[in-house]
Amino acid sequence: MTAAKPSLELLRSLTDEHVLRELMRARRLTRADLAHRTGLSKPTVGESVRRLTEAGLVADTGERTPGGRGRGRVGSYYALTDQVGTALVFSIAPDGVVAERVDARGDTVTRTRQEITRPARPAQVAAALRTAAEHARHDAAPTTRLAVVSAADPVDRTTGRLIQLPDAPFLLGELDPVEVLTPYVAGPVIVDNDVNWAAQAERDSNPAAPRDFAYLHLGEGLGCAVVSDGEIRRGHTGIAGEIAHLITLGPHGQATRLIEVFGELGLRRADSTAIDVDRLLSSATGHGAQAAATRHTLGQAISGVLAAIVALADPELVVIGGSWGTRPAMVDAISSAFARFPRHVRSRLPR
């Protein structure tokens, strides 16, 4: 049997996608520029530009390249039109919901913020999402094509619902951002947790980033994203990387769940498993013996988690981010403890 050949319609669609992507990156290009950047032939690019122009997605800007009198043909610059539309970008975090409307070039058109209380309840967060969406879309003439949501909670990979895990520090109960936001967009609502998005940004913004790395987030919440062969690994339900309940070394040398280490050190918020970052920094980054002991305990606990990540995921690199994980004193404590493990990989801060 021979493999089925791709249809002409599919090839045209892929070509148009390449052309649109390059125009998103460069804002305006000639057909010759597009051919060079995409690796496609000039006639193929020309046909794509014609189709996209007829669809109202691309337009001739009226600008021309220098030409004539032996300097080559004059080229026309093309750019995206407003008909390409915009996207809504949401961040759901313990301190509030932020919504931005961005254009196809990644520029922020509008931005709004809605406060939420602690502990956040699903109904309250859903209301904040709706209000933020309405404000972000206010007077939006172009079509809102899609919504992208970053949540400081585990996300079900099939449904996009936020998942309530035992001792989760933030949302109490489940929330369905897809259901809430679908009325505000013409296309899909894409939901993932904040650590996975951070890992994707690390991968996409750094051409030299390895294809196999882990991103460890150490902030009010604890999380890890695993990138293998260049792809985020979410697990069967989407909650891969939830490290709070990994067994590691506790303050007294005993096996302890990671989240309980912070409880024993008195570094969690009242009536919550969320880490009190201000208290942690004041307790662990000073110059006294007590601060050194707290740093040592945290370094031991985090290095035990790193050892488990290395054993299971075999990354080339571990990126350590988060509001307290990037502080120099904590970086030194974690790196020093981790260096004593037999399977050690390099680590660094986010770029």
Protein backbone atom coordinates (compact mmCIF):
# COMPACT_ATOMS: atom_id res chain seq x y z
CA MET A 1 0.00 0.00 0.00
CA THR A 2 1.16 3.53 -0.72
CA ALA A 3 0.62 6.42 1.63
CA ALA A 4 -2.22 8.74 0.71
CA LYS A 5 -1.08 12.00 -0.81
CA PRO A 6 -2.15 15.22 0.91
CA SER A 7 -5.01 16.97 -0.85
CA LEU A 8 -4.49 20.19 -2.75
CA GLU A 9 -6.79 21.93 -0.28
CA LEU A 10 -4.63 20.80 2.65
CA LEU A 11 -1.43 21.96 0.95
CA ARG A 12 -2.95 25.36 0.27
CA SER A 13 -4.10 25.61 3.87
CA LEU A 14 -0.62 24.78 5.18
CA THR A 15 0.95 27.31 2.80
CA ASP A 16 -1.46 30.02 3.91
CA GLU A 17 -0.70 29.18 7.56
CA HIS A 18 3.05 29.61 6.93
CA VAL A 19 2.50 32.96 5.22
CA LEU A 20 0.23 34.26 7.99
CA ARG A 21 2.68 33.15 10.67
CA GLU A 22 5.54 35.05 9.04
CA LEU A 23 3.43 38.17 8.68
CA MET A 24 2.54 37.94 12.36
CA ARG A 25 6.24 37.90 13.20
CA ALA A 26 7.49 40.54 10.77
CA ARG A 27 4.43 42.83 10.42
CA ARG A 28 5.07 43.58 6.72
CA LEU A 29 6.85 41.59 4.03
CA THR A 30 7.11 41.40 0.28
CA ARG A 31 6.30 38.21 -1.58
CA ALA A 32 10.03 37.70 -2.12
CA ASP A 33 10.62 38.08 1.62
CA LEU A 34 7.89 35.55 2.33
CA ALA A 35 9.36 33.06 -0.12
CA HIS A 36 12.77 33.39 1.55
CA ARG A 37 11.42 33.06 5.10
CA THR A 38 9.08 30.13 4.42
CA GLY A 39 11.31 28.25 1.96
CA LEU A 40 8.43 28.11 -0.50
CA SER A 41 8.66 29.05 -4.16
CA LYS A 42 7.75 32.58 -5.25
CA PRO A 43 4.79 31.38 -7.39
CA THR A 44 3.44 29.36 -4.42
CA VAL A 45 3.76 32.33 -2.12
CA GLY A 46 2.19 34.60 -4.72
CA GLU A 47 -0.87 32.36 -4.95
CA SER A 48 -1.13 32.24 -1.16
CA VAL A 49 -0.96 36.03 -0.90
CA ARG A 50 -3.68 36.28 -3.56
CA ARG A 51 -5.97 33.88 -1.65
CA LEU A 52 -5.40 35.64 1.66
CA THR A 53 -5.98 39.05 0.08
CA GLU A 54 -9.26 37.89 -1.45
CA ALA A 55 -10.26 36.55 1.97
CA GLY A 56 -9.61 39.96 3.51
CA LEU A 57 -6.86 38.69 5.83
CA VAL A 58 -3.89 40.29 4.04
CA ALA A 59 -3.64 43.63 2.25
CA ASP A 60 -1.17 45.59 0.15
CA THR A 61 0.14 48.37 2.41
CA GLY A 62 0.86 50.68 -0.51
CA GLU A 63 4.55 50.71 0.39
CA ARG A 64 7.09 49.70 -2.24
CA THR A 65 10.69 48.55 -2.21
CA PRO A 66 13.30 50.60 -4.04
CA GLY A 67 13.52 49.38 -7.62
CA GLY A 68 13.87 50.26 -11.26
CA ARG A 69 16.85 51.40 -13.32
CA GLY A 70 18.75 48.17 -12.88
CA ARG A 71 17.92 47.75 -9.20
CA GLY A 72 15.43 44.95 -9.77
CA ARG A 73 11.67 44.83 -9.75
CA VAL A 74 9.69 46.96 -7.33
CA GLY A 75 8.19 44.84 -4.55
CA SER A 76 4.94 45.46 -2.72
CA TYR A 77 4.73 45.14 1.05
CA TYR A 78 1.87 43.09 2.49
CA ALA A 79 0.55 43.05 6.05
CA LEU A 80 -2.25 41.52 8.08
CA THR A 81 -5.59 43.30 8.16
CA ASP A 82 -7.84 43.82 11.16
CA GLN A 83 -10.04 41.02 9.82
CA VAL A 84 -7.48 38.53 11.12
CA GLY A 85 -9.04 39.25 14.49
CA THR A 86 -7.81 39.26 18.06
CA ALA A 87 -7.46 36.82 20.95
CA LEU A 88 -8.34 36.99 24.64
CA VAL A 89 -5.61 35.97 27.10
CA PHE A 90 -6.53 35.26 30.73
CA SER A 91 -4.50 34.62 33.85
CA ILE A 92 -6.29 33.08 36.83
CA ALA A 93 -4.12 33.49 39.92
CA PRO A 94 -4.69 33.72 43.69
CA ASP A 95 -4.66 37.52 43.61
CA GLY A 96 -7.06 38.02 40.71
CA VAL A 97 -8.07 37.50 37.10
CA VAL A 98 -6.25 39.44 34.38
CA ALA A 99 -7.61 39.63 30.83
CA GLU A 100 -5.87 41.05 27.78
CA ARG A 101 -7.07 41.41 24.21
CA VAL A 102 -4.10 40.96 21.88
CA ASP A 103 -3.85 41.37 18.14
CA ALA A 104 -2.28 38.89 15.73
CA ARG A 105 1.13 40.49 16.20
CA GLY A 106 1.05 39.95 19.95
CA ASP A 107 0.43 43.60 20.85
CA THR A 108 -1.90 44.23 23.79
CA VAL A 109 -4.99 46.20 22.74
CA THR A 110 -6.81 46.29 26.09
CA ARG A 111 -6.07 45.04 29.61
CA THR A 112 -8.31 44.65 32.64
CA ARG A 113 -8.02 43.12 36.10
CA GLN A 114 -10.62 41.71 38.49
CA GLU A 115 -9.76 41.11 42.14
CA ILE A 116 -10.80 37.88 43.87
CA THR A 117 -10.75 37.03 47.56
CA ARG A 118 -9.01 34.20 49.35
CA PRO A 119 -10.00 31.43 49.38
CA ALA A 120 -11.35 31.77 45.85
CA ARG A 121 -14.67 30.09 45.12
CA PRO A 122 -15.55 28.79 41.63
CA ALA A 123 -18.64 31.02 41.31
CA GLN A 124 -16.62 34.10 42.22
CA VAL A 125 -13.84 33.29 39.76
CA ALA A 126 -16.37 32.53 37.00
CA ALA A 127 -18.00 35.92 37.58
CA ALA A 128 -14.59 37.62 37.49
CA LEU A 129 -13.79 35.83 34.21
CA ARG A 130 -17.04 37.01 32.61
CA THR A 131 -16.54 40.59 33.74
CA ALA A 132 -12.93 40.60 32.56
CA ALA A 133 -13.96 39.15 29.18
CA GLU A 134 -16.66 41.77 28.71
CA HIS A 135 -14.25 44.61 29.54
CA ALA A 136 -11.48 43.20 27.34
CA ARG A 137 -13.83 42.86 24.37
CA HIS A 138 -15.38 46.31 24.79
CA ASP A 139 -15.68 48.02 21.39
CA ALA A 140 -13.74 45.17 19.77
CA ALA A 141 -14.46 45.51 16.06
CA PRO A 142 -12.35 42.56 14.81
CA THR A 143 -13.57 39.07 15.53
CA THR A 144 -12.27 37.56 18.76
CA ARG A 145 -10.91 34.29 17.38
CA LEU A 146 -9.99 32.38 20.53
CA ALA A 147 -9.24 32.57 24.23
CA VAL A 148 -6.16 31.27 26.02
CA VAL A 149 -6.25 30.69 29.78
CA SER A 150 -3.39 30.25 32.23
CA ALA A 151 -4.54 28.92 35.61
CA ALA A 152 -2.66 28.45 38.87
CA ASP A 153 -4.39 25.10 39.30
CA PRO A 154 -4.28 21.65 37.69
CA VAL A 155 -6.19 21.42 34.40
CA ASP A 156 -7.99 18.40 32.96
CA ARG A 157 -6.40 17.93 29.54
CA THR A 158 -9.63 16.62 27.97
CA THR A 159 -12.19 19.14 29.21
CA GLY A 160 -10.14 22.16 30.25
CA ARG A 161 -11.79 22.15 33.67
CA LEU A 162 -9.72 23.08 36.70
CA ILE A 163 -9.24 20.12 39.02
CA GLN A 164 -9.58 20.19 42.79
CA LEU A 165 -6.79 18.10 44.30
CA PRO A 166 -6.32 17.38 48.01
CA ASP A 167 -4.68 20.35 49.76
CA ALA A 168 -4.83 22.50 46.60
CA PRO A 169 -3.83 26.01 47.73
CA PHE A 170 -6.10 28.11 45.54
CA LEU A 171 -9.50 27.32 43.96
CA LEU A 172 -11.83 25.38 46.22
CA GLY A 173 -13.92 23.24 43.90
CA GLU A 174 -13.92 22.91 40.14
CA LEU A 175 -14.20 25.66 37.53
CA ASP A 176 -14.89 25.29 33.80
CA PRO A 177 -13.22 28.20 31.93
CA VAL A 178 -14.25 26.70 28.57
CA GLU A 179 -17.94 26.89 29.46
CA VAL A 180 -17.57 30.39 30.91
CA LEU A 181 -15.61 31.91 28.00
CA THR A 182 -17.04 30.15 24.93
CA PRO A 183 -19.78 32.81 24.45
CA TYR A 184 -17.11 35.50 24.10
CA VAL A 185 -15.05 33.99 21.27
CA ALA A 186 -15.64 32.63 17.77
CA GLY A 187 -13.21 29.74 18.18
CA PRO A 188 -11.66 27.51 20.84
CA VAL A 189 -10.87 28.19 24.49
CA ILE A 190 -7.46 26.71 25.35
CA VAL A 191 -6.73 26.13 29.04
CA ASP A 192 -3.50 25.00 30.69
CA ASN A 193 -1.78 25.54 34.01
CA ASP A 194 0.65 28.39 34.51
CA VAL A 195 3.75 26.22 34.85
CA ASN A 196 3.13 24.50 31.52
CA TRP A 197 2.73 27.91 29.87
CA ALA A 198 5.99 29.08 31.48
CA ALA A 199 7.80 26.01 30.14
CA GLN A 200 6.40 26.62 26.66
CA ALA A 201 7.57 30.25 26.80
CA GLU A 202 11.02 29.05 27.86
CA ARG A 203 11.09 26.62 24.93
CA ASP A 204 9.77 29.03 22.30
CA SER A 205 11.72 32.14 23.30
CA ASN A 206 15.11 30.47 23.38
CA PRO A 207 16.26 28.79 20.14
CA ALA A 208 19.06 27.08 22.06
CA ALA A 209 16.71 25.52 24.62
CA PRO A 210 17.10 21.74 24.88
CA ARG A 211 14.28 19.48 23.73
CA ASP A 212 14.26 17.69 27.08
CA PHE A 213 14.03 19.82 30.21
CA ALA A 214 11.97 20.32 33.34
CA TYR A 215 10.59 23.61 34.62
CA LEU A 216 10.27 23.74 38.40
CA HIS A 217 8.03 26.50 39.80
CA LEU A 218 8.57 27.54 43.41
CA GLY A 219 6.12 30.25 44.44
CA GLU A 220 2.89 30.36 46.44
CA GLY A 221 2.16 27.07 44.74
CA LEU A 222 4.52 24.28 43.70
CA GLY A 223 4.57 22.75 40.25
CA CYS A 224 6.67 21.19 37.55
CA ALA A 225 6.37 20.99 33.77
CA VAL A 226 8.21 18.27 31.86
CA VAL A 227 9.22 18.95 28.26
CA SER A 228 10.23 15.79 26.38
CA ASP A 229 11.17 15.79 22.70
CA GLY A 230 10.08 19.43 22.62
CA GLU A 231 6.54 18.70 23.85
CA ILE A 232 4.84 19.31 27.20
CA ARG A 233 3.97 16.00 28.85
CA ARG A 234 0.64 16.39 30.62
CA GLY A 235 -0.09 12.81 31.64
CA HIS A 236 -3.30 10.82 31.31
CA THR A 237 -5.60 13.39 32.92
CA GLY A 238 -3.40 16.48 32.63
CA ILE A 239 -2.01 16.67 36.15
CA ALA A 240 1.54 15.47 35.49
CA GLY A 241 4.01 17.62 37.40
CA GLU A 242 1.91 18.16 40.54
CA ILE A 243 4.87 17.78 42.90
CA ALA A 244 3.37 18.99 46.19
CA HIS A 245 2.80 15.44 47.42
CA LEU A 246 6.11 13.93 46.34
CA ILE A 247 7.99 12.29 49.21
CA THR A 248 11.23 14.06 50.02
CA LEU A 249 13.55 14.76 52.95
CA GLY A 250 11.82 16.56 55.81
CA PRO A 251 13.16 18.99 58.44
CA HIS A 252 14.17 16.20 60.81
CA GLY A 253 15.61 13.84 58.22
CA GLN A 254 12.38 11.87 57.82
CA ALA A 255 10.45 11.08 54.63
CA THR A 256 7.86 13.85 54.23
CA ARG A 257 5.51 15.12 51.57
CA LEU A 258 6.98 18.27 50.03
CA ILE A 259 4.02 20.48 50.95
CA GLU A 260 4.26 19.34 54.58
CA VAL A 261 7.86 20.57 54.80
CA PHE A 262 6.57 24.14 54.53
CA GLY A 263 3.91 23.41 57.14
CA GLU A 264 6.48 22.11 59.62
CA LEU A 265 8.61 25.19 59.03
CA GLY A 266 5.61 27.50 59.55
CA LEU A 267 5.84 28.88 56.03
CA ARG A 268 2.26 28.34 54.83
CA ARG A 269 -0.61 30.81 54.83
CA ALA A 270 -3.18 30.43 57.58
CA ASP A 271 -5.88 27.85 56.76
CA SER A 272 -4.25 27.13 53.41
CA THR A 273 -1.50 25.08 51.82
CA ALA A 274 -0.38 28.14 49.85
CA ILE A 275 3.18 29.11 50.73
CA ASP A 276 3.62 32.47 52.44
CA VAL A 277 6.35 33.83 50.18
CA ASP A 278 7.07 36.94 52.27
CA ARG A 279 7.49 34.87 55.41
CA LEU A 280 9.66 32.34 53.59
CA LEU A 281 11.98 35.02 52.24
CA SER A 282 12.32 36.74 55.61
CA SER A 283 12.98 33.40 57.31
CA ALA A 284 15.36 31.88 54.78
CA THR A 285 17.38 34.66 53.15
CA GLY A 286 18.90 36.37 56.18
CA HIS A 287 22.45 36.03 57.55
CA GLY A 288 21.80 34.34 60.89
CA ALA A 289 22.12 30.69 61.87
CA GLN A 290 18.35 30.17 61.84
CA ALA A 291 18.04 31.50 58.29
CA ALA A 292 20.90 29.25 57.19
CA ALA A 293 19.17 26.24 58.76
CA THR A 294 15.88 27.06 57.02
CA ARG A 295 17.68 27.46 53.66
CA HIS A 296 19.42 24.15 54.20
CA THR A 297 16.16 22.35 54.98
CA LEU A 298 14.42 23.82 51.92
CA GLY A 299 17.41 23.06 49.72
CA GLN A 300 17.38 19.43 50.87
CA ALA A 301 13.65 19.09 50.30
CA ILE A 302 13.70 20.64 46.80
CA SER A 303 16.78 18.66 45.78
CA GLY A 304 14.95 15.45 46.69
CA VAL A 305 12.16 16.47 44.32
CA LEU A 306 14.72 17.29 41.63
CA ALA A 307 16.27 13.85 42.07
CA ALA A 308 12.86 12.24 41.47
CA ILE A 309 12.29 14.39 38.36
CA VAL A 310 15.70 13.44 36.96
CA ALA A 311 15.13 9.76 37.66
CA LEU A 312 11.73 9.66 35.97
CA ALA A 313 11.99 12.23 33.16
CA ASP A 314 15.75 12.22 32.37
CA PRO A 315 15.92 15.92 31.44
CA GLU A 316 19.04 17.61 30.07
CA LEU A 317 18.31 20.72 32.11
CA VAL A 318 16.16 21.91 35.02
CA VAL A 319 14.89 25.50 34.89
CA ILE A 320 14.00 26.83 38.34
CA GLY A 321 11.48 29.69 38.45
CA GLY A 322 8.95 31.19 40.81
CA SER A 323 8.82 34.07 43.26
CA TRP A 324 11.22 32.53 45.77
CA GLY A 325 12.91 29.83 43.74
CA THR A 326 14.88 32.45 41.79
CA ARG A 327 16.29 34.29 44.81
CA PRO A 328 20.11 33.94 44.90
CA ALA A 329 20.21 32.54 48.43
CA MET A 330 17.66 29.86 47.56
CA VAL A 331 19.33 29.07 44.24
CA ASP A 332 22.61 28.47 46.07
CA ALA A 333 20.96 26.28 48.72
CA ILE A 334 19.11 24.15 46.15
CA SER A 335 22.12 23.84 43.84
CA SER A 336 24.43 22.87 46.71
CA ALA A 337 22.09 20.14 47.96
CA PHE A 338 21.29 18.84 44.47
CA ALA A 339 24.99 18.59 43.55
CA ARG A 340 25.40 15.83 46.12
CA PHE A 341 23.04 13.48 44.30
CA PRO A 342 24.64 10.88 42.00
CA ARG A 343 22.44 11.80 39.01
CA HIS A 344 22.93 15.49 38.63
CA VAL A 345 21.95 17.70 35.69
CA ARG A 346 22.64 21.39 35.19
CA SER A 347 20.10 23.94 36.34
CA ARG A 348 19.52 27.61 35.65
CA LEU A 349 16.98 30.42 36.04
CA PRO A 350 14.36 31.23 33.39
CA ARG A 351 15.39 33.39 30.43
